[in-house]
Amino acid sequence: MRRELSVPFEIRGQRGLVNVRVLANDDPWASGHQLLVPDLDAEAFRGFPICTATLRYHGQGLNAVMGWIQVVARSFDGARTVDVLPYFAGIAPFYTYGHLPTFFDAPANPDHPDGNWIATTFLVIVPDVIHSRQVVPVAAFTWGYRLVGGHPSTIDPERRDHTDWSGHRDVLERDYPDWTFS
């Protein structure tokens, strides 16, 4: 099992590296799930993955403003959705956006039926940083979990071709028609 992955990228004339780590959550309290689920049953959330992706990048200042976009595919119902934080929903396709943003996700869906939850996570830039609604992918990876009999197992991260949005452009354009996904 390969739970860590490095993905090189180059933007704005500088090189960088995405460092991805996916681990099973052995302590839902430590990962903060009680902040979202006040009556947390930690045992039900144990074993679901925690994904963290950090950046090393040689550019500085505005050159280092980037974002993360994530598309989730669920095998049990065939749904593909853009995974955004609630305050971005319908406004922008970003999971996060800012200066050298760290990506963090800890999905836990113990009530879902058996199946796969697969995320394709893109490191992206807006070429002019804040003036347009054009997004360009610069790196991508997949990760997720498999639920069988109510028991999750992590799916290790794998590098993906970020060009053409790894086949997810249609979902992005459907959910965010005012944005251009180059």
C-alpha atoms as a PDB file:
ATOM      1  CA  MET A   1       0.000   0.000   0.000  1.00  0.00           C
ATOM      2  CA  ARG A   2       1.272   3.421  -0.960  1.00  0.00           C
ATOM      3  CA  ARG A   3      -0.307   5.981   1.354  1.00  0.00           C
ATOM      4  CA  GLU A   4       1.963   8.832   0.325  1.00  0.00           C
ATOM      5  CA  LEU A   5       2.476  10.367  -3.072  1.00  0.00           C
ATOM      6  CA  SER A   6       4.440  13.254  -4.554  1.00  0.00           C
ATOM      7  CA  VAL A   7       3.226  15.035  -7.688  1.00  0.00           C
ATOM      8  CA  PRO A   8       5.498  17.586  -9.383  1.00  0.00           C
ATOM      9  CA  PHE A   9       4.089  20.661 -11.113  1.00  0.00           C
ATOM     10  CA  GLU A  10       5.300  23.857 -12.755  1.00  0.00           C
ATOM     11  CA  ILE A  11       3.452  27.169 -12.944  1.00  0.00           C
ATOM     12  CA  ARG A  12       4.366  30.788 -13.533  1.00  0.00           C
ATOM     13  CA  GLY A  13       7.953  29.783 -14.324  1.00  0.00           C
ATOM     14  CA  GLN A  14       8.572  27.987 -11.018  1.00  0.00           C
ATOM     15  CA  ARG A  15       8.544  24.346  -9.988  1.00  0.00           C
ATOM     16  CA  GLY A  16       6.658  22.841  -7.113  1.00  0.00           C
ATOM     17  CA  LEU A  17       5.660  19.587  -5.487  1.00  0.00           C
ATOM     18  CA  VAL A  18       2.366  18.347  -4.072  1.00  0.00           C
ATOM     19  CA  ASN A  19       2.876  15.963  -1.141  1.00  0.00           C
ATOM     20  CA  VAL A  20      -0.185  13.791  -0.538  1.00  0.00           C
ATOM     21  CA  ARG A  21      -0.849  11.603   2.470  1.00  0.00           C
ATOM     22  CA  VAL A  22      -3.906   9.377   2.947  1.00  0.00           C
ATOM     23  CA  LEU A  23      -4.345   7.513   6.216  1.00  0.00           C
ATOM     24  CA  ALA A  24      -7.178   5.738   7.981  1.00  0.00           C
ATOM     25  CA  ASN A  25      -8.675   7.918  10.701  1.00  0.00           C
ATOM     26  CA  ASP A  26      -7.938   6.171  13.991  1.00  0.00           C
ATOM     27  CA  ASP A  27      -9.155   9.076  16.157  1.00  0.00           C
ATOM     28  CA  PRO A  28     -12.203  11.015  14.850  1.00  0.00           C
ATOM     29  CA  TRP A  29     -12.068  13.306  17.893  1.00  0.00           C
ATOM     30  CA  ALA A  30      -8.488  14.362  17.138  1.00  0.00           C
ATOM     31  CA  SER A  31      -9.403  15.052  13.495  1.00  0.00           C
ATOM     32  CA  GLY A  32     -12.192  17.378  14.616  1.00  0.00           C
ATOM     33  CA  HIS A  33     -15.276  15.500  13.462  1.00  0.00           C
ATOM     34  CA  GLN A  34     -17.151  16.592  16.590  1.00  0.00           C
ATOM     35  CA  LEU A  35     -17.085  20.139  15.190  1.00  0.00           C
ATOM     36  CA  LEU A  36     -19.354  18.992  12.348  1.00  0.00           C
ATOM     37  CA  VAL A  37     -21.237  16.222  14.157  1.00  0.00           C
ATOM     38  CA  PRO A  38     -21.826  17.314  17.777  1.00  0.00           C
ATOM     39  CA  ASP A  39     -23.224  13.912  18.823  1.00  0.00           C
ATOM     40  CA  LEU A  40     -20.293  12.106  17.203  1.00  0.00           C
ATOM     41  CA  ASP A  41     -20.193   8.323  17.448  1.00  0.00           C
ATOM     42  CA  ALA A  42     -16.422   8.006  17.024  1.00  0.00           C
ATOM     43  CA  GLU A  43     -16.567   4.269  16.332  1.00  0.00           C
ATOM     44  CA  ALA A  44     -18.826   4.809  13.306  1.00  0.00           C
ATOM     45  CA  PHE A  45     -16.313   7.293  11.856  1.00  0.00           C
ATOM     46  CA  ARG A  46     -13.170   5.307  12.636  1.00  0.00           C
ATOM     47  CA  GLY A  47     -11.304   3.893   9.628  1.00  0.00           C
ATOM     48  CA  PHE A  48     -12.494   6.432   7.066  1.00  0.00           C
ATOM     49  CA  PRO A  49      -9.643   8.233   5.275  1.00  0.00           C
ATOM     50  CA  ILE A  50      -7.957  11.496   6.074  1.00  0.00           C
ATOM     51  CA  CYS A  51      -6.296  13.155   3.090  1.00  0.00           C
ATOM     52  CA  THR A  52      -3.805  15.986   3.434  1.00  0.00           C
ATOM     53  CA  ALA A  53      -1.950  17.562   0.506  1.00  0.00           C
ATOM     54  CA  THR A  54       0.702  20.184   1.146  1.00  0.00           C
ATOM     55  CA  LEU A  55       2.696  22.275  -1.294  1.00  0.00           C
ATOM     56  CA  ARG A  56       6.335  23.109  -1.792  1.00  0.00           C
ATOM     57  CA  TYR A  57       6.690  25.832  -4.368  1.00  0.00           C
ATOM     58  CA  HIS A  58       9.534  28.171  -5.292  1.00  0.00           C
ATOM     59  CA  GLY A  59       7.319  31.086  -6.380  1.00  0.00           C
ATOM     60  CA  GLN A  60       6.491  33.883  -3.971  1.00  0.00           C
ATOM     61  CA  GLY A  61       3.664  36.311  -3.264  1.00  0.00           C
ATOM     62  CA  LEU A  62       0.788  36.294  -5.740  1.00  0.00           C
ATOM     63  CA  ASN A  63       2.653  33.705  -7.812  1.00  0.00           C
ATOM     64  CA  ALA A  64       1.846  31.230  -5.026  1.00  0.00           C
ATOM     65  CA  VAL A  65      -1.930  31.831  -5.005  1.00  0.00           C
ATOM     66  CA  MET A  66      -3.591  28.556  -6.018  1.00  0.00           C
ATOM     67  CA  GLY A  67      -6.619  26.476  -5.199  1.00  0.00           C
ATOM     68  CA  TRP A  68      -7.973  22.979  -4.885  1.00  0.00           C
ATOM     69  CA  ILE A  69     -10.982  21.592  -6.749  1.00  0.00           C
ATOM     70  CA  GLN A  70     -12.340  18.136  -5.951  1.00  0.00           C
ATOM     71  CA  VAL A  71     -14.825  15.984  -7.860  1.00  0.00           C
ATOM     72  CA  VAL A  72     -16.286  12.974  -6.046  1.00  0.00           C
ATOM     73  CA  ALA A  73     -17.670   9.869  -7.760  1.00  0.00           C
ATOM     74  CA  ARG A  74     -19.772   7.402  -5.767  1.00  0.00           C
ATOM     75  CA  SER A  75     -20.243   3.909  -7.159  1.00  0.00           C
ATOM     76  CA  PHE A  76     -23.330   3.061  -5.120  1.00  0.00           C
ATOM     77  CA  ASP A  77     -25.533   5.707  -6.782  1.00  0.00           C
ATOM     78  CA  GLY A  78     -23.457   6.788  -9.801  1.00  0.00           C
ATOM     79  CA  ALA A  79     -23.332  10.398  -8.608  1.00  0.00           C
ATOM     80  CA  ARG A  80     -20.464  12.721  -9.544  1.00  0.00           C
ATOM     81  CA  THR A  81     -20.368  16.028  -7.688  1.00  0.00           C
ATOM     82  CA  VAL A  82     -18.069  18.995  -7.192  1.00  0.00           C
ATOM     83  CA  ASP A  83     -17.085  18.807  -3.534  1.00  0.00           C
ATOM     84  CA  VAL A  84     -17.027  22.328  -2.122  1.00  0.00           C
ATOM     85  CA  LEU A  85     -17.311  23.812   1.320  1.00  0.00           C
ATOM     86  CA  PRO A  86     -20.862  25.097   1.932  1.00  0.00           C
ATOM     87  CA  TYR A  87     -19.916  28.774   1.665  1.00  0.00           C
ATOM     88  CA  PHE A  88     -18.483  28.222  -1.839  1.00  0.00           C
ATOM     89  CA  ALA A  89     -21.477  26.180  -3.123  1.00  0.00           C
ATOM     90  CA  GLY A  90     -22.917  27.724  -6.261  1.00  0.00           C
ATOM     91  CA  ILE A  91     -20.416  30.597  -6.142  1.00  0.00           C
ATOM     92  CA  ALA A  92     -17.007  29.085  -6.903  1.00  0.00           C
ATOM     93  CA  PRO A  93     -15.817  25.528  -7.601  1.00  0.00           C
ATOM     94  CA  PHE A  94     -13.014  25.681  -5.042  1.00  0.00           C
ATOM     95  CA  TYR A  95     -12.566  23.411  -2.079  1.00  0.00           C
ATOM     96  CA  THR A  96     -10.029  25.999  -0.944  1.00  0.00           C
ATOM     97  CA  TYR A  97      -8.172  28.921  -2.527  1.00  0.00           C
ATOM     98  CA  GLY A  98      -5.328  31.093  -1.295  1.00  0.00           C
ATOM     99  CA  HIS A  99      -1.591  31.424  -0.813  1.00  0.00           C
ATOM    100  CA  LEU A 100       0.031  27.949  -0.845  1.00  0.00           C
ATOM    101  CA  PRO A 101      -3.236  26.299   0.231  1.00  0.00           C
ATOM    102  CA  THR A 102      -3.165  23.019   2.107  1.00  0.00           C
ATOM    103  CA  PHE A 103      -5.831  20.513   1.101  1.00  0.00           C
ATOM    104  CA  PHE A 104      -7.528  18.580   3.915  1.00  0.00           C
ATOM    105  CA  ASP A 105     -10.518  16.273   3.723  1.00  0.00           C
ATOM    106  CA  ALA A 106     -11.795  13.604   6.081  1.00  0.00           C
ATOM    107  CA  PRO A 107     -14.949  12.130   4.559  1.00  0.00           C
ATOM    108  CA  ALA A 108     -16.918   9.836   6.828  1.00  0.00           C
ATOM    109  CA  ASN A 109     -20.216   8.468   5.599  1.00  0.00           C
ATOM    110  CA  PRO A 110     -21.063   5.454   7.755  1.00  0.00           C
ATOM    111  CA  ASP A 111     -24.703   5.637   6.613  1.00  0.00           C
ATOM    112  CA  HIS A 112     -23.848   5.087   2.918  1.00  0.00           C
ATOM    113  CA  PRO A 113     -24.436   1.725   1.270  1.00  0.00           C
ATOM    114  CA  ASP A 114     -21.487  -0.424   0.258  1.00  0.00           C
ATOM    115  CA  GLY A 115     -19.429   0.953  -2.602  1.00  0.00           C
ATOM    116  CA  ASN A 116     -16.547   3.202  -3.556  1.00  0.00           C
ATOM    117  CA  TRP A 117     -16.152   6.910  -2.818  1.00  0.00           C
ATOM    118  CA  ILE A 118     -13.441   8.195  -5.168  1.00  0.00           C
ATOM    119  CA  ALA A 119     -12.184  11.776  -5.194  1.00  0.00           C
ATOM    120  CA  THR A 120     -10.203  13.344  -8.005  1.00  0.00           C
ATOM    121  CA  THR A 121      -8.427  16.322  -6.492  1.00  0.00           C
ATOM    122  CA  PHE A 122      -6.928  19.051  -8.671  1.00  0.00           C
ATOM    123  CA  LEU A 123      -4.377  21.696  -7.795  1.00  0.00           C
ATOM    124  CA  VAL A 124      -5.453  24.704  -9.882  1.00  0.00           C
ATOM    125  CA  ILE A 125      -4.610  28.292 -10.692  1.00  0.00           C
ATOM    126  CA  VAL A 126      -6.602  31.249 -11.902  1.00  0.00           C
ATOM    127  CA  PRO A 127      -4.092  32.698 -14.400  1.00  0.00           C
ATOM    128  CA  ASP A 128      -4.791  36.313 -13.406  1.00  0.00           C
ATOM    129  CA  VAL A 129      -5.235  35.332  -9.724  1.00  0.00           C
ATOM    130  CA  ILE A 130      -8.535  37.148  -8.984  1.00  0.00           C
ATOM    131  CA  HIS A 131      -9.857  38.932 -12.064  1.00  0.00           C
ATOM    132  CA  SER A 132     -11.421  36.146 -14.117  1.00  0.00           C
ATOM    133  CA  ARG A 133     -13.411  32.986 -13.644  1.00  0.00           C
ATOM    134  CA  GLN A 134     -10.957  30.834 -15.577  1.00  0.00           C
ATOM    135  CA  VAL A 135      -9.414  27.834 -13.837  1.00  0.00           C
ATOM    136  CA  VAL A 136      -6.441  25.806 -15.089  1.00  0.00           C
ATOM    137  CA  PRO A 137      -5.443  22.453 -13.520  1.00  0.00           C
ATOM    138  CA  VAL A 138      -1.741  21.992 -12.810  1.00  0.00           C
ATOM    139  CA  ALA A 139      -1.668  18.649 -10.944  1.00  0.00           C
ATOM    140  CA  ALA A 140      -4.137  15.935  -9.943  1.00  0.00           C
ATOM    141  CA  PHE A 141      -4.496  12.798  -7.856  1.00  0.00           C
ATOM    142  CA  THR A 142      -7.214  10.373  -6.816  1.00  0.00           C
ATOM    143  CA  TRP A 143      -7.899   8.859  -3.413  1.00  0.00           C
ATOM    144  CA  GLY A 144     -10.890   7.608  -1.459  1.00  0.00           C
ATOM    145  CA  TYR A 145     -12.388   4.679   0.355  1.00  0.00           C
ATOM    146  CA  ARG A 146     -14.294   1.461  -0.171  1.00  0.00           C
ATOM    147  CA  LEU A 147     -17.173   0.616   2.155  1.00  0.00           C
ATOM    148  CA  VAL A 148     -18.006  -3.085   2.571  1.00  0.00           C
ATOM    149  CA  GLY A 149     -20.389  -4.304   5.240  1.00  0.00           C
ATOM    150  CA  GLY A 150     -20.179  -0.911   6.913  1.00  0.00           C
ATOM    151  CA  HIS A 151     -16.383  -1.125   7.224  1.00  0.00           C
ATOM    152  CA  PRO A 152     -14.248   1.425   5.335  1.00  0.00           C
ATOM    153  CA  SER A 153     -10.853   0.778   3.809  1.00  0.00           C
ATOM    154  CA  THR A 154      -8.759   3.544   2.312  1.00  0.00           C
ATOM    155  CA  ILE A 155      -7.932   3.704  -1.368  1.00  0.00           C
ATOM    156  CA  ASP A 156      -4.352   4.836  -1.822  1.00  0.00           C
ATOM    157  CA  PRO A 157      -3.599   8.047  -3.701  1.00  0.00           C
ATOM    158  CA  GLU A 158      -2.614   7.829  -7.360  1.00  0.00           C
ATOM    159  CA  ARG A 159      -1.304  10.495  -9.682  1.00  0.00           C
ATOM    160  CA  ARG A 160      -3.710  11.454 -12.467  1.00  0.00           C
ATOM    161  CA  ASP A 161      -3.323  13.316 -15.721  1.00  0.00           C
ATOM    162  CA  HIS A 162      -4.662  16.772 -14.930  1.00  0.00           C
ATOM    163  CA  THR A 163      -5.136  17.809 -18.560  1.00  0.00           C
ATOM    164  CA  ASP A 164      -8.765  17.883 -19.656  1.00  0.00           C
ATOM    165  CA  TRP A 165      -9.781  17.581 -15.996  1.00  0.00           C
ATOM    166  CA  SER A 166      -9.391  13.764 -15.985  1.00  0.00           C
ATOM    167  CA  GLY A 167     -12.803  13.380 -17.581  1.00  0.00           C
ATOM    168  CA  HIS A 168     -14.650  15.595 -15.071  1.00  0.00           C
ATOM    169  CA  ARG A 169     -15.028  18.764 -17.143  1.00  0.00           C
ATOM    170  CA  ASP A 170     -18.720  18.035 -17.797  1.00  0.00           C
ATOM    171  CA  VAL A 171     -19.537  17.977 -14.067  1.00  0.00           C
ATOM    172  CA  LEU A 172     -17.587  21.173 -13.431  1.00  0.00           C
ATOM    173  CA  GLU A 173     -19.281  22.995 -16.322  1.00  0.00           C
ATOM    174  CA  ARG A 174     -22.725  21.713 -15.265  1.00  0.00           C
ATOM    175  CA  ASP A 175     -22.346  22.923 -11.666  1.00  0.00           C
ATOM    176  CA  TYR A 176     -20.365  26.121 -12.404  1.00  0.00           C
ATOM    177  CA  PRO A 177     -21.497  27.400 -15.830  1.00  0.00           C
ATOM    178  CA  ASP A 178     -20.104  30.909 -15.196  1.00  0.00           C
ATOM    179  CA  TRP A 179     -16.572  29.494 -14.915  1.00  0.00           C
ATOM    180  CA  THR A 180     -14.202  28.371 -17.685  1.00  0.00           C
ATOM    181  CA  PHE A 181     -12.286  25.153 -17.089  1.00  0.00           C
ATOM    182  CA  SER A 182      -9.272  25.389 -19.409  1.00  0.00           C
END
